[in-house]
Every structure is written in structure tokens, then in C-alpha cells.
Amino acid sequence: MPPAVGWRTSLRLPRDHYVRLDANDYSVYPAMIGRRVEVVADLDRVPGVLRRAVGGRPARLRGRHRSVVDPAHVAAARRLRRDRLSVRRPTPTPDVEIRCLADYDTVLGLDNFDSGVA
């Protein structure tokens, strides 16, 4: 049996859709934001996996403090952001009871006028 080589973790993908490994950032498909992502890394690749759907398979960087950005991920994030902002939500109108104005006249004792105008 070969020795276990690599790194595996599970995390909830943050809003910036990047996964950090060895001080490097790897972009993951932005539709996975907020979901649990399993990140498996070996000596050569760093795939981000969600329910067996591969979100990216970038080559592992040897340096530190670098970012691997997939242009498809950037375009998808831009599209998802635009779609989210373009959704119009109806403003809720509060349910307010509307009372007949004659009820107020009755409460204030103004309903006994013969002329009709106070």
C-alpha cells in the first residue's frame, strides 16, 4: 500500500470564491459560494470538488503569496453578480387597517350636526 501523499480539507467556500493552500489562493467556480467544498491537493494539482463536480483543476504553485485565477471563474462571478443585482424585488406594502371617517366623528361626538359641515 503506497503512503498517503497530499492534503485534504473541507470548508464552506467564502464570498471571494478562493481557496487558500500553502499561502497561495486558488479560484473555484463562484456558483459554489456558500456551499461545502472538499479541496484535495496532491503534489501536482489542486482540484476543488463539490459533490463530485470539479470546480477547477489548477496546477499547484510552488511559490508563496500568489493567486491562480481562472478567467472562466472571473466571468462567471461577474455574470452571477450582474444577475443578482438586476433582480427586482417588490417592495412590501404594509397591511394597514383603513377606518371609516364617520367612526372618528362618532368617537369625538361630532355626529349630531344637522348642517353637515363643521
PDB file of N, CA and C in Angstrom:
ATOM      1  N   MET A   1       0.834  -1.168   0.000  1.00  0.00           N
ATOM      2  CA  MET A   1       0.000   0.000   0.000  1.00  0.00           C
ATOM      3  C   MET A   1       0.893   1.250   0.000  1.00  0.00           C
ATOM      4  N   PRO A   2       0.659   2.156  -0.956  1.00  0.00           N
ATOM      5  CA  PRO A   2       1.507   3.352  -1.022  1.00  0.00           C
ATOM      6  C   PRO A   2       1.166   4.320   0.112  1.00  0.00           C
ATOM      7  N   PRO A   3       2.125   5.118   0.521  1.00  0.00           N
ATOM      8  CA  PRO A   3       1.854   6.067   1.599  1.00  0.00           C
ATOM      9  C   PRO A   3       0.884   7.156   1.138  1.00  0.00           C
ATOM     10  N   ALA A   4       0.147   7.690   2.074  1.00  0.00           N
ATOM     11  CA  ALA A   4      -0.796   8.764   1.758  1.00  0.00           C
ATOM     12  C   ALA A   4      -0.017  10.054   1.525  1.00  0.00           C
ATOM     13  N   VAL A   5      -0.159  10.576   0.335  1.00  0.00           N
ATOM     14  CA  VAL A   5       0.529  11.820  -0.020  1.00  0.00           C
ATOM     15  C   VAL A   5      -0.527  12.824  -0.435  1.00  0.00           C
ATOM     16  N   GLY A   6      -0.448  14.002   0.104  1.00  0.00           N
ATOM     17  CA  GLY A   6      -1.390  15.029  -0.304  1.00  0.00           C
ATOM     18  C   GLY A   6      -2.035  15.709   0.879  1.00  0.00           C
ATOM     19  N   TRP A   7      -3.057  16.448   0.563  1.00  0.00           N
ATOM     20  CA  TRP A   7      -3.717  17.272   1.551  1.00  0.00           C
ATOM     21  C   TRP A   7      -5.194  17.308   1.225  1.00  0.00           C
ATOM     22  N   ARG A   8      -6.043  17.183   2.229  1.00  0.00           N
ATOM     23  CA  ARG A   8      -7.489  17.158   2.019  1.00  0.00           C
ATOM     24  C   ARG A   8      -8.150  17.938   3.153  1.00  0.00           C
ATOM     25  N   THR A   9      -9.082  18.800   2.757  1.00  0.00           N
ATOM     26  CA  THR A   9      -9.851  19.541   3.751  1.00  0.00           C
ATOM     27  C   THR A   9     -11.225  19.856   3.186  1.00  0.00           C
ATOM     28  N   SER A  10     -12.131  20.155   4.069  1.00  0.00           N
ATOM     29  CA  SER A  10     -13.483  20.519   3.680  1.00  0.00           C
ATOM     30  C   SER A  10     -13.789  21.873   4.304  1.00  0.00           C
ATOM     31  N   LEU A  11     -14.330  22.778   3.509  1.00  0.00           N
ATOM     32  CA  LEU A  11     -14.635  24.112   4.006  1.00  0.00           C
ATOM     33  C   LEU A  11     -15.822  24.687   3.259  1.00  0.00           C
ATOM     34  N   ARG A  12     -16.427  25.704   3.840  1.00  0.00           N
ATOM     35  CA  ARG A  12     -17.503  26.431   3.169  1.00  0.00           C
ATOM     36  C   ARG A  12     -16.836  27.524   2.355  1.00  0.00           C
ATOM     37  N   LEU A  13     -17.122  27.536   1.052  1.00  0.00           N
ATOM     38  CA  LEU A  13     -16.452  28.470   0.150  1.00  0.00           C
ATOM     39  C   LEU A  13     -16.885  29.900   0.466  1.00  0.00           C
ATOM     40  N   PRO A  14     -15.926  30.790   0.754  1.00  0.00           N
ATOM     41  CA  PRO A  14     -16.277  32.173   1.086  1.00  0.00           C
ATOM     42  C   PRO A  14     -16.728  32.964  -0.136  1.00  0.00           C
ATOM     43  N   ARG A  15     -17.181  34.187   0.112  1.00  0.00           N
ATOM     44  CA  ARG A  15     -17.737  35.018  -0.956  1.00  0.00           C
ATOM     45  C   ARG A  15     -16.723  35.378  -2.028  1.00  0.00           C
ATOM     46  N   ASP A  16     -15.449  35.357  -1.715  1.00  0.00           N
ATOM     47  CA  ASP A  16     -14.464  35.726  -2.731  1.00  0.00           C
ATOM     48  C   ASP A  16     -14.088  34.543  -3.632  1.00  0.00           C
ATOM     49  N   HIS A  17     -14.689  33.392  -3.451  1.00  0.00           N
ATOM     50  CA  HIS A  17     -14.533  32.155  -4.221  1.00  0.00           C
ATOM     51  C   HIS A  17     -13.077  31.747  -4.441  1.00  0.00           C
ATOM     52  N   TYR A  18     -12.249  31.908  -3.398  1.00  0.00           N
ATOM     53  CA  TYR A  18     -10.866  31.453  -3.446  1.00  0.00           C
ATOM     54  C   TYR A  18     -10.625  30.488  -2.296  1.00  0.00           C
ATOM     55  N   VAL A  19      -9.778  29.509  -2.546  1.00  0.00           N
ATOM     56  CA  VAL A  19      -9.366  28.547  -1.532  1.00  0.00           C
ATOM     57  C   VAL A  19      -7.880  28.763  -1.298  1.00  0.00           C
ATOM     58  N   ARG A  20      -7.476  28.822  -0.044  1.00  0.00           N
ATOM     59  CA  ARG A  20      -6.072  29.059   0.283  1.00  0.00           C
ATOM     60  C   ARG A  20      -5.390  27.739   0.622  1.00  0.00           C
ATOM     61  N   LEU A  21      -4.239  27.530   0.008  1.00  0.00           N
ATOM     62  CA  LEU A  21      -3.430  26.336   0.263  1.00  0.00           C
ATOM     63  C   LEU A  21      -1.971  26.745   0.226  1.00  0.00           C
ATOM     64  N   ASP A  22      -1.249  26.500   1.296  1.00  0.00           N
ATOM     65  CA  ASP A  22       0.175  26.845   1.386  1.00  0.00           C
ATOM     66  C   ASP A  22       0.436  28.301   1.008  1.00  0.00           C
ATOM     67  N   ALA A  23      -0.344  29.222   1.536  1.00  0.00           N
ATOM     68  CA  ALA A  23      -0.206  30.667   1.319  1.00  0.00           C
ATOM     69  C   ALA A  23      -0.452  31.080  -0.127  1.00  0.00           C
ATOM     70  N   ASN A  24      -1.078  30.229  -0.922  1.00  0.00           N
ATOM     71  CA  ASN A  24      -1.479  30.572  -2.287  1.00  0.00           C
ATOM     72  C   ASN A  24      -2.995  30.483  -2.384  1.00  0.00           C
ATOM     73  N   ASP A  25      -3.581  31.309  -3.252  1.00  0.00           N
ATOM     74  CA  ASP A  25      -5.029  31.330  -3.443  1.00  0.00           C
ATOM     75  C   ASP A  25      -5.373  30.716  -4.789  1.00  0.00           C
ATOM     76  N   TYR A  26      -6.387  29.846  -4.784  1.00  0.00           N
ATOM     77  CA  TYR A  26      -6.854  29.181  -5.997  1.00  0.00           C
ATOM     78  C   TYR A  26      -8.331  29.504  -6.178  1.00  0.00           C
ATOM     79  N   SER A  27      -8.705  29.972  -7.380  1.00  0.00           N
ATOM     80  CA  SER A  27     -10.110  30.306  -7.610  1.00  0.00           C
ATOM     81  C   SER A  27     -10.918  29.035  -7.823  1.00  0.00           C
ATOM     82  N   VAL A  28     -12.167  29.084  -7.360  1.00  0.00           N
ATOM     83  CA  VAL A  28     -13.111  27.985  -7.516  1.00  0.00           C
ATOM     84  C   VAL A  28     -14.345  28.575  -8.183  1.00  0.00           C
ATOM     85  N   TYR A  29     -15.091  27.765  -8.915  1.00  0.00           N
ATOM     86  CA  TYR A  29     -16.254  28.267  -9.639  1.00  0.00           C
ATOM     87  C   TYR A  29     -17.190  28.977  -8.665  1.00  0.00           C
ATOM     88  N   PRO A  30     -17.579  30.225  -8.938  1.00  0.00           N
ATOM     89  CA  PRO A  30     -18.312  31.034  -7.957  1.00  0.00           C
ATOM     90  C   PRO A  30     -19.727  30.568  -7.641  1.00  0.00           C
ATOM     91  N   ALA A  31     -20.304  29.687  -8.437  1.00  0.00           N
ATOM     92  CA  ALA A  31     -21.632  29.164  -8.100  1.00  0.00           C
ATOM     93  C   ALA A  31     -21.568  28.291  -6.847  1.00  0.00           C
ATOM     94  N   MET A  32     -20.375  27.924  -6.423  1.00  0.00           N
ATOM     95  CA  MET A  32     -20.197  27.102  -5.226  1.00  0.00           C
ATOM     96  C   MET A  32     -20.104  27.934  -3.949  1.00  0.00           C
ATOM     97  N   ILE A  33     -20.201  29.251  -4.047  1.00  0.00           N
ATOM     98  CA  ILE A  33     -20.088  30.121  -2.870  1.00  0.00           C
ATOM     99  C   ILE A  33     -21.161  29.745  -1.855  1.00  0.00           C
ATOM    100  N   GLY A  34     -20.729  29.604  -0.606  1.00  0.00           N
ATOM    101  CA  GLY A  34     -21.647  29.269   0.477  1.00  0.00           C
ATOM    102  C   GLY A  34     -21.873  27.781   0.643  1.00  0.00           C
ATOM    103  N   ARG A  35     -21.354  26.984  -0.253  1.00  0.00           N
ATOM    104  CA  ARG A  35     -21.526  25.530  -0.152  1.00  0.00           C
ATOM    105  C   ARG A  35     -20.264  24.897   0.409  1.00  0.00           C
ATOM    106  N   ARG A  36     -20.422  23.692   0.904  1.00  0.00           N
ATOM    107  CA  ARG A  36     -19.280  22.959   1.429  1.00  0.00           C
ATOM    108  C   ARG A  36     -18.479  22.397   0.264  1.00  0.00           C
ATOM    109  N   VAL A  37     -17.204  22.721   0.247  1.00  0.00           N
ATOM    110  CA  VAL A  37     -16.303  22.310  -0.824  1.00  0.00           C
ATOM    111  C   VAL A  37     -15.227  21.431  -0.218  1.00  0.00           C
ATOM    112  N   GLU A  38     -14.942  20.333  -0.868  1.00  0.00           N
ATOM    113  CA  GLU A  38     -13.841  19.477  -0.442  1.00  0.00           C
ATOM    114  C   GLU A  38     -12.663  19.762  -1.354  1.00  0.00           C
ATOM    115  N   VAL A  39     -11.574  20.177  -0.773  1.00  0.00           N
ATOM    116  CA  VAL A  39     -10.373  20.509  -1.530  1.00  0.00           C
ATOM    117  C   VAL A  39      -9.361  19.404  -1.309  1.00  0.00           C
ATOM    118  N   VAL A  40      -8.928  18.812  -2.404  1.00  0.00           N
ATOM    119  CA  VAL A  40      -7.954  17.730  -2.358  1.00  0.00           C
ATOM    120  C   VAL A  40      -6.743  18.181  -3.156  1.00  0.00           C
ATOM    121  N   ALA A  41      -5.592  18.135  -2.543  1.00  0.00           N
ATOM    122  CA  ALA A  41      -4.378  18.558  -3.238  1.00  0.00           C
ATOM    123  C   ALA A  41      -3.356  17.439  -3.167  1.00  0.00           C
ATOM    124  N   ASP A  42      -2.674  17.256  -4.265  1.00  0.00           N
ATOM    125  CA  ASP A  42      -1.537  16.342  -4.248  1.00  0.00           C
ATOM    126  C   ASP A  42      -0.300  17.164  -4.603  1.00  0.00           C
ATOM    127  N   LEU A  43       0.741  16.521  -5.035  1.00  0.00           N
ATOM    128  CA  LEU A  43       1.967  17.253  -5.316  1.00  0.00           C
ATOM    129  C   LEU A  43       1.876  18.107  -6.574  1.00  0.00           C
ATOM    130  N   ASP A  44       0.921  17.795  -7.467  1.00  0.00           N
ATOM    131  CA  ASP A  44       0.864  18.500  -8.746  1.00  0.00           C
ATOM    132  C   ASP A  44      -0.389  19.340  -8.954  1.00  0.00           C
ATOM    133  N   ARG A  45      -1.549  18.920  -8.444  1.00  0.00           N
ATOM    134  CA  ARG A  45      -2.816  19.589  -8.751  1.00  0.00           C
ATOM    135  C   ARG A  45      -3.570  19.949  -7.476  1.00  0.00           C
ATOM    136  N   VAL A  46      -4.510  20.919  -7.619  1.00  0.00           N
ATOM    137  CA  VAL A  46      -5.370  21.338  -6.510  1.00  0.00           C
ATOM    138  C   VAL A  46      -6.798  21.447  -7.031  1.00  0.00           C
ATOM    139  N   PRO A  47      -7.519  20.342  -7.123  1.00  0.00           N
ATOM    140  CA  PRO A  47      -8.911  20.456  -7.572  1.00  0.00           C
ATOM    141  C   PRO A  47      -9.832  20.815  -6.411  1.00  0.00           C
ATOM    142  N   GLY A  48     -10.791  21.684  -6.678  1.00  0.00           N
ATOM    143  CA  GLY A  48     -11.842  21.981  -5.701  1.00  0.00           C
ATOM    144  C   GLY A  48     -13.059  21.160  -6.098  1.00  0.00           C
ATOM    145  N   VAL A  49     -13.574  20.342  -5.209  1.00  0.00           N
ATOM    146  CA  VAL A  49     -14.618  19.392  -5.570  1.00  0.00           C
ATOM    147  C   VAL A  49     -15.872  19.675  -4.752  1.00  0.00           C
ATOM    148  N   LEU A  50     -17.024  19.666  -5.403  1.00  0.00           N
ATOM    149  CA  LEU A  50     -18.311  19.796  -4.726  1.00  0.00           C
ATOM    150  C   LEU A  50     -19.222  18.715  -5.271  1.00  0.00           C
ATOM    151  N   ARG A  51     -19.551  17.755  -4.438  1.00  0.00           N
ATOM    152  CA  ARG A  51     -20.433  16.647  -4.839  1.00  0.00           C
ATOM    153  C   ARG A  51     -19.983  16.024  -6.157  1.00  0.00           C
ATOM    154  N   ARG A  52     -18.735  15.785  -6.245  1.00  0.00           N
ATOM    155  CA  ARG A  52     -18.106  15.135  -7.400  1.00  0.00           C
ATOM    156  C   ARG A  52     -18.125  15.990  -8.665  1.00  0.00           C
ATOM    157  N   ALA A  53     -18.502  17.242  -8.558  1.00  0.00           N
ATOM    158  CA  ALA A  53     -18.421  18.151  -9.706  1.00  0.00           C
ATOM    159  C   ALA A  53     -17.150  18.972  -9.533  1.00  0.00           C
ATOM    160  N   VAL A  54     -16.245  18.836 -10.451  1.00  0.00           N
ATOM    161  CA  VAL A  54     -14.957  19.503 -10.321  1.00  0.00           C
ATOM    162  C   VAL A  54     -15.142  20.988 -10.601  1.00  0.00           C
ATOM    163  N   GLY A  55     -14.698  21.819  -9.675  1.00  0.00           N
ATOM    164  CA  GLY A  55     -14.817  23.256  -9.834  1.00  0.00           C
ATOM    165  C   GLY A  55     -13.566  23.876 -10.404  1.00  0.00           C
ATOM    166  N   GLY A  56     -12.527  23.132 -10.579  1.00  0.00           N
ATOM    167  CA  GLY A  56     -11.279  23.641 -11.131  1.00  0.00           C
ATOM    168  C   GLY A  56     -10.164  22.651 -10.852  1.00  0.00           C
ATOM    169  N   ARG A  57      -9.182  22.612 -11.726  1.00  0.00           N
ATOM    170  CA  ARG A  57      -8.045  21.717 -11.537  1.00  0.00           C
ATOM    171  C   ARG A  57      -6.753  22.465 -11.830  1.00  0.00           C
ATOM    172  N   PRO A  58      -6.469  23.530 -11.095  1.00  0.00           N
ATOM    173  CA  PRO A  58      -5.246  24.278 -11.384  1.00  0.00           C
ATOM    174  C   PRO A  58      -4.006  23.525 -10.935  1.00  0.00           C
ATOM    175  N   ALA A  59      -2.902  23.834 -11.596  1.00  0.00           N
ATOM    176  CA  ALA A  59      -1.619  23.263 -11.184  1.00  0.00           C
ATOM    177  C   ALA A  59      -1.214  23.907  -9.861  1.00  0.00           C
ATOM    178  N   ARG A  60      -0.585  23.133  -9.011  1.00  0.00           N
ATOM    179  CA  ARG A  60      -0.192  23.637  -7.703  1.00  0.00           C
ATOM    180  C   ARG A  60       1.020  24.552  -7.846  1.00  0.00           C
ATOM    181  N   LEU A  61       0.963  25.694  -7.174  1.00  0.00           N
ATOM    182  CA  LEU A  61       2.055  26.657  -7.237  1.00  0.00           C
ATOM    183  C   LEU A  61       3.134  26.290  -6.229  1.00  0.00           C
ATOM    184  N   ARG A  62       4.366  26.521  -6.602  1.00  0.00           N
ATOM    185  CA  ARG A  62       5.478  26.236  -5.694  1.00  0.00           C
ATOM    186  C   ARG A  62       5.868  27.463  -4.877  1.00  0.00           C
ATOM    187  N   GLY A  63       5.558  28.650  -5.362  1.00  0.00           N
ATOM    188  CA  GLY A  63       5.880  29.873  -4.630  1.00  0.00           C
ATOM    189  C   GLY A  63       4.864  30.135  -3.533  1.00  0.00           C
ATOM    190  N   ARG A  64       4.963  31.309  -2.928  1.00  0.00           N
ATOM    191  CA  ARG A  64       4.041  31.687  -1.870  1.00  0.00           C
ATOM    192  C   ARG A  64       3.432  33.046  -2.193  1.00  0.00           C
ATOM    193  N   HIS A  65       2.227  33.275  -1.663  1.00  0.00           N
ATOM    194  CA  HIS A  65       1.509  34.545  -1.819  1.00  0.00           C
ATOM    195  C   HIS A  65       1.214  34.858  -3.282  1.00  0.00           C
ATOM    196  N   ARG A  66       0.793  33.846  -4.000  1.00  0.00           N
ATOM    197  CA  ARG A  66       0.398  34.014  -5.397  1.00  0.00           C
ATOM    198  C   ARG A  66      -1.044  33.560  -5.547  1.00  0.00           C
ATOM    199  N   SER A  67      -1.660  33.936  -6.664  1.00  0.00           N
ATOM    200  CA  SER A  67      -3.052  33.569  -6.920  1.00  0.00           C
ATOM    201  C   SER A  67      -3.170  32.908  -8.274  1.00  0.00           C
ATOM    202  N   VAL A  68      -3.986  31.861  -8.327  1.00  0.00           N
ATOM    203  CA  VAL A  68      -4.325  31.214  -9.589  1.00  0.00           C
ATOM    204  C   VAL A  68      -5.765  31.595  -9.885  1.00  0.00           C
ATOM    205  N   VAL A  69      -5.965  32.340 -10.961  1.00  0.00           N
ATOM    206  CA  VAL A  69      -7.287  32.837 -11.317  1.00  0.00           C
ATOM    207  C   VAL A  69      -7.666  32.259 -12.666  1.00  0.00           C
ATOM    208  N   ASP A  70      -8.784  31.565 -12.697  1.00  0.00           N
ATOM    209  CA  ASP A  70      -9.312  31.046 -13.954  1.00  0.00           C
ATOM    210  C   ASP A  70     -10.192  32.135 -14.569  1.00  0.00           C
ATOM    211  N   PRO A  71      -9.931  32.564 -15.814  1.00  0.00           N
ATOM    212  CA  PRO A  71     -10.760  33.604 -16.435  1.00  0.00           C
ATOM    213  C   PRO A  71     -12.237  33.215 -16.518  1.00  0.00           C
ATOM    214  N   ALA A  72     -12.523  31.934 -16.643  1.00  0.00           N
ATOM    215  CA  ALA A  72     -13.921  31.488 -16.668  1.00  0.00           C
ATOM    216  C   ALA A  72     -14.588  31.745 -15.318  1.00  0.00           C
ATOM    217  N   HIS A  73     -13.838  31.608 -14.229  1.00  0.00           N
ATOM    218  CA  HIS A  73     -14.381  31.876 -12.898  1.00  0.00           C
ATOM    219  C   HIS A  73     -14.665  33.367 -12.721  1.00  0.00           C
ATOM    220  N   VAL A  74     -13.778  34.211 -13.238  1.00  0.00           N
ATOM    221  CA  VAL A  74     -13.980  35.658 -13.138  1.00  0.00           C
ATOM    222  C   VAL A  74     -15.211  36.070 -13.934  1.00  0.00           C
ATOM    223  N   ALA A  75     -15.352  35.535 -15.153  1.00  0.00           N
ATOM    224  CA  ALA A  75     -16.519  35.860 -15.986  1.00  0.00           C
ATOM    225  C   ALA A  75     -17.808  35.364 -15.336  1.00  0.00           C
ATOM    226  N   ALA A  76     -17.767  34.168 -14.760  1.00  0.00           N
ATOM    227  CA  ALA A  76     -18.962  33.627 -14.103  1.00  0.00           C
ATOM    228  C   ALA A  76     -19.327  34.456 -12.876  1.00  0.00           C
ATOM    229  N   ALA A  77     -18.329  34.902 -12.113  1.00  0.00           N
ATOM    230  CA  ALA A  77     -18.607  35.742 -10.942  1.00  0.00           C
ATOM    231  C   ALA A  77     -19.232  37.062 -11.372  1.00  0.00           C
ATOM    232  N   ARG A  78     -18.723  37.638 -12.447  1.00  0.00           N
ATOM    233  CA  ARG A  78     -19.284  38.889 -12.954  1.00  0.00           C
ATOM    234  C   ARG A  78     -20.728  38.685 -13.396  1.00  0.00           C
ATOM    235  N   ARG A  79     -20.995  37.580 -14.090  1.00  0.00           N
ATOM    236  CA  ARG A  79     -22.350  37.290 -14.570  1.00  0.00           C
ATOM    237  C   ARG A  79     -23.299  37.036 -13.399  1.00  0.00           C
ATOM    238  N   LEU A  80     -22.868  36.252 -12.415  1.00  0.00           N
ATOM    239  CA  LEU A  80     -23.713  35.972 -11.250  1.00  0.00           C
ATOM    240  C   LEU A  80     -24.008  37.246 -10.463  1.00  0.00           C
ATOM    241  N   ARG A  81     -23.004  38.122 -10.330  1.00  0.00           N
ATOM    242  CA  ARG A  81     -23.198  39.381  -9.622  1.00  0.00           C
ATOM    243  C   ARG A  81     -24.194  40.268 -10.365  1.00  0.00           C
ATOM    244  N   ARG A  82     -24.053  40.338 -11.694  1.00  0.00           N
ATOM    245  CA  ARG A  82     -24.963  41.158 -12.506  1.00  0.00           C
ATOM    246  C   ARG A  82     -26.389  40.619 -12.419  1.00  0.00           C
ATOM    247  N   ASP A  83     -26.537  39.294 -12.502  1.00  0.00           N
ATOM    248  CA  ASP A  83     -27.872  38.699 -12.419  1.00  0.00           C
ATOM    249  C   ASP A  83     -28.500  38.943 -11.051  1.00  0.00           C
ATOM    250  N   ARG A  84     -27.698  38.892 -10.015  1.00  0.00           N
ATOM    251  CA  ARG A  84     -28.219  39.108  -8.659  1.00  0.00           C
ATOM    252  C   ARG A  84     -28.673  40.547  -8.477  1.00  0.00           C
ATOM    253  N   LEU A  85     -27.911  41.493  -9.012  1.00  0.00           N
ATOM    254  CA  LEU A  85     -28.257  42.901  -8.844  1.00  0.00           C
ATOM    255  C   LEU A  85     -29.418  43.326  -9.729  1.00  0.00           C
ATOM    256  N   SER A  86     -29.664  42.597 -10.818  1.00  0.00           N
ATOM    257  CA  SER A  86     -30.719  43.003 -11.743  1.00  0.00           C
ATOM    258  C   SER A  86     -32.098  42.472 -11.348  1.00  0.00           C
ATOM    259  N   VAL A  87     -32.165  41.631 -10.345  1.00  0.00           N
ATOM    260  CA  VAL A  87     -33.454  41.091  -9.907  1.00  0.00           C
ATOM    261  C   VAL A  87     -34.207  42.181  -9.157  1.00  0.00           C
ATOM    262  N   ARG A  88     -35.407  42.463  -9.617  1.00  0.00           N
ATOM    263  CA  ARG A  88     -36.235  43.468  -8.941  1.00  0.00           C
ATOM    264  C   ARG A  88     -37.101  42.774  -7.904  1.00  0.00           C
ATOM    265  N   ARG A  89     -37.017  43.289  -6.715  1.00  0.00           N
ATOM    266  CA  ARG A  89     -37.831  42.741  -5.639  1.00  0.00           C
ATOM    267  C   ARG A  89     -38.955  43.726  -5.343  1.00  0.00           C
ATOM    268  N   PRO A  90     -40.183  43.244  -5.276  1.00  0.00           N
ATOM    269  CA  PRO A  90     -41.281  44.172  -4.972  1.00  0.00           C
ATOM    270  C   PRO A  90     -41.168  44.670  -3.535  1.00  0.00           C
ATOM    271  N   THR A  91     -41.396  45.946  -3.371  1.00  0.00           N
ATOM    272  CA  THR A  91     -41.372  46.489  -2.016  1.00  0.00           C
ATOM    273  C   THR A  91     -42.665  46.103  -1.315  1.00  0.00           C
ATOM    274  N   PRO A  92     -42.555  45.513  -0.170  1.00  0.00           N
ATOM    275  CA  PRO A  92     -43.761  45.064   0.527  1.00  0.00           C
ATOM    276  C   PRO A  92     -44.575  46.262   1.009  1.00  0.00           C
ATOM    277  N   THR A  93     -45.859  46.192   0.779  1.00  0.00           N
ATOM    278  CA  THR A  93     -46.758  47.229   1.286  1.00  0.00           C
ATOM    279  C   THR A  93     -47.372  46.719   2.580  1.00  0.00           C
ATOM    280  N   PRO A  94     -47.260  47.496   3.636  1.00  0.00           N
ATOM    281  CA  PRO A  94     -47.800  47.022   4.916  1.00  0.00           C
ATOM    282  C   PRO A  94     -49.323  47.011   4.891  1.00  0.00           C
ATOM    283  N   ASP A  95     -49.876  46.016   5.543  1.00  0.00           N
ATOM    284  CA  ASP A  95     -51.329  45.929   5.666  1.00  0.00           C
ATOM    285  C   ASP A  95     -51.773  46.855   6.795  1.00  0.00           C
ATOM    286  N   VAL A  96     -52.461  47.911   6.419  1.00  0.00           N
ATOM    287  CA  VAL A  96     -52.928  48.896   7.386  1.00  0.00           C
ATOM    288  C   VAL A  96     -54.445  48.928   7.329  1.00  0.00           C
ATOM    289  N   GLU A  97     -55.042  48.865   8.489  1.00  0.00           N
ATOM    290  CA  GLU A  97     -56.499  48.921   8.540  1.00  0.00           C
ATOM    291  C   GLU A  97     -56.959  50.344   8.252  1.00  0.00           C
ATOM    292  N   ILE A  98     -57.889  50.488   7.333  1.00  0.00           N
ATOM    293  CA  ILE A  98     -58.445  51.794   6.989  1.00  0.00           C
ATOM    294  C   ILE A  98     -59.835  51.879   7.596  1.00  0.00           C
ATOM    295  N   ARG A  99     -60.032  52.882   8.394  1.00  0.00           N
ATOM    296  CA  ARG A  99     -61.281  53.045   9.115  1.00  0.00           C
ATOM    297  C   ARG A  99     -62.164  54.077   8.433  1.00  0.00           C
ATOM    298  N   CYS A 100     -63.420  53.905   8.559  1.00  0.00           N
ATOM    299  CA  CYS A 100     -64.384  54.873   8.045  1.00  0.00           C
ATOM    300  C   CYS A 100     -64.261  56.160   8.866  1.00  0.00           C
ATOM    301  N   LEU A 101     -64.231  57.324   8.217  1.00  0.00           N
ATOM    302  CA  LEU A 101     -64.070  58.592   8.923  1.00  0.00           C
ATOM    303  C   LEU A 101     -65.260  58.914   9.819  1.00  0.00           C
ATOM    304  N   ALA A 102     -66.423  58.372   9.524  1.00  0.00           N
ATOM    305  CA  ALA A 102     -67.602  58.604  10.369  1.00  0.00           C
ATOM    306  C   ALA A 102     -67.400  58.023  11.764  1.00  0.00           C
ATOM    307  N   ASP A 103     -66.570  56.972  11.884  1.00  0.00           N
ATOM    308  CA  ASP A 103     -66.286  56.409  13.206  1.00  0.00           C
ATOM    309  C   ASP A 103     -65.569  57.433  14.089  1.00  0.00           C
ATOM    310  N   TYR A 104     -64.664  58.208  13.516  1.00  0.00           N
ATOM    311  CA  TYR A 104     -63.967  59.236  14.282  1.00  0.00           C
ATOM    312  C   TYR A 104     -64.936  60.338  14.716  1.00  0.00           C
ATOM    313  N   ASP A 105     -65.864  60.694  13.824  1.00  0.00           N
ATOM    314  CA  ASP A 105     -66.873  61.691  14.194  1.00  0.00           C
ATOM    315  C   ASP A 105     -67.704  61.203  15.372  1.00  0.00           C
ATOM    316  N   THR A 106     -68.046  59.923  15.381  1.00  0.00           N
ATOM    317  CA  THR A 106     -68.836  59.355  16.470  1.00  0.00           C
ATOM    318  C   THR A 106     -68.050  59.379  17.773  1.00  0.00           C
ATOM    319  N   VAL A 107     -66.786  59.009  17.735  1.00  0.00           N
ATOM    320  CA  VAL A 107     -65.960  58.981  18.941  1.00  0.00           C
ATOM    321  C   VAL A 107     -65.790  60.382  19.511  1.00  0.00           C
ATOM    322  N   LEU A 108     -65.629  61.370  18.663  1.00  0.00           N
ATOM    323  CA  LEU A 108     -65.412  62.739  19.127  1.00  0.00           C
ATOM    324  C   LEU A 108     -66.713  63.494  19.406  1.00  0.00           C
ATOM    325  N   GLY A 109     -67.855  62.849  19.160  1.00  0.00           N
ATOM    326  CA  GLY A 109     -69.146  63.472  19.420  1.00  0.00           C
ATOM    327  C   GLY A 109     -69.513  64.518  18.390  1.00  0.00           C
ATOM    328  N   LEU A 110     -69.052  64.360  17.180  1.00  0.00           N
ATOM    329  CA  LEU A 110     -69.321  65.331  16.124  1.00  0.00           C
ATOM    330  C   LEU A 110     -70.393  64.852  15.160  1.00  0.00           C
ATOM    331  N   ASP A 111     -71.109  63.801  15.481  1.00  0.00           N
ATOM    332  CA  ASP A 111     -72.074  63.238  14.538  1.00  0.00           C
ATOM    333  C   ASP A 111     -73.478  63.811  14.687  1.00  0.00           C
ATOM    334  N   ASN A 112     -73.686  64.782  15.559  1.00  0.00           N
ATOM    335  CA  ASN A 112     -75.021  65.331  15.778  1.00  0.00           C
ATOM    336  C   ASN A 112     -75.221  66.679  15.095  1.00  0.00           C
ATOM    337  N   PHE A 113     -74.462  66.976  14.068  1.00  0.00           N
ATOM    338  CA  PHE A 113     -74.628  68.242  13.356  1.00  0.00           C
ATOM    339  C   PHE A 113     -75.662  68.077  12.263  1.00  0.00           C
ATOM    340  N   ASP A 114     -76.563  69.032  12.150  1.00  0.00           N
ATOM    341  CA  ASP A 114     -77.583  68.999  11.105  1.00  0.00           C
ATOM    342  C   ASP A 114     -77.076  69.614   9.816  1.00  0.00           C
ATOM    343  N   SER A 115     -76.133  70.549   9.906  1.00  0.00           N
ATOM    344  CA  SER A 115     -75.674  71.235   8.700  1.00  0.00           C
ATOM    345  C   SER A 115     -74.736  70.374   7.869  1.00  0.00           C
ATOM    346  N   GLY A 116     -74.076  69.430   8.453  1.00  0.00           N
ATOM    347  CA  GLY A 116     -73.208  68.521   7.714  1.00  0.00           C
ATOM    348  C   GLY A 116     -71.763  68.979   7.631  1.00  0.00           C
ATOM    349  N   VAL A 117     -71.506  70.277   7.802  1.00  0.00           N
ATOM    350  CA  VAL A 117     -70.132  70.779   7.747  1.00  0.00           C
ATOM    351  C   VAL A 117     -69.813  71.398   9.096  1.00  0.00           C
ATOM    352  N   ALA A 118     -68.692  71.016   9.670  1.00  0.00           N
ATOM    353  CA  ALA A 118     -68.334  71.555  10.976  1.00  0.00           C
ATOM    354  C   ALA A 118     -67.575  72.847  10.846  1.00  0.00           C
TER     355      ALA A 118
END
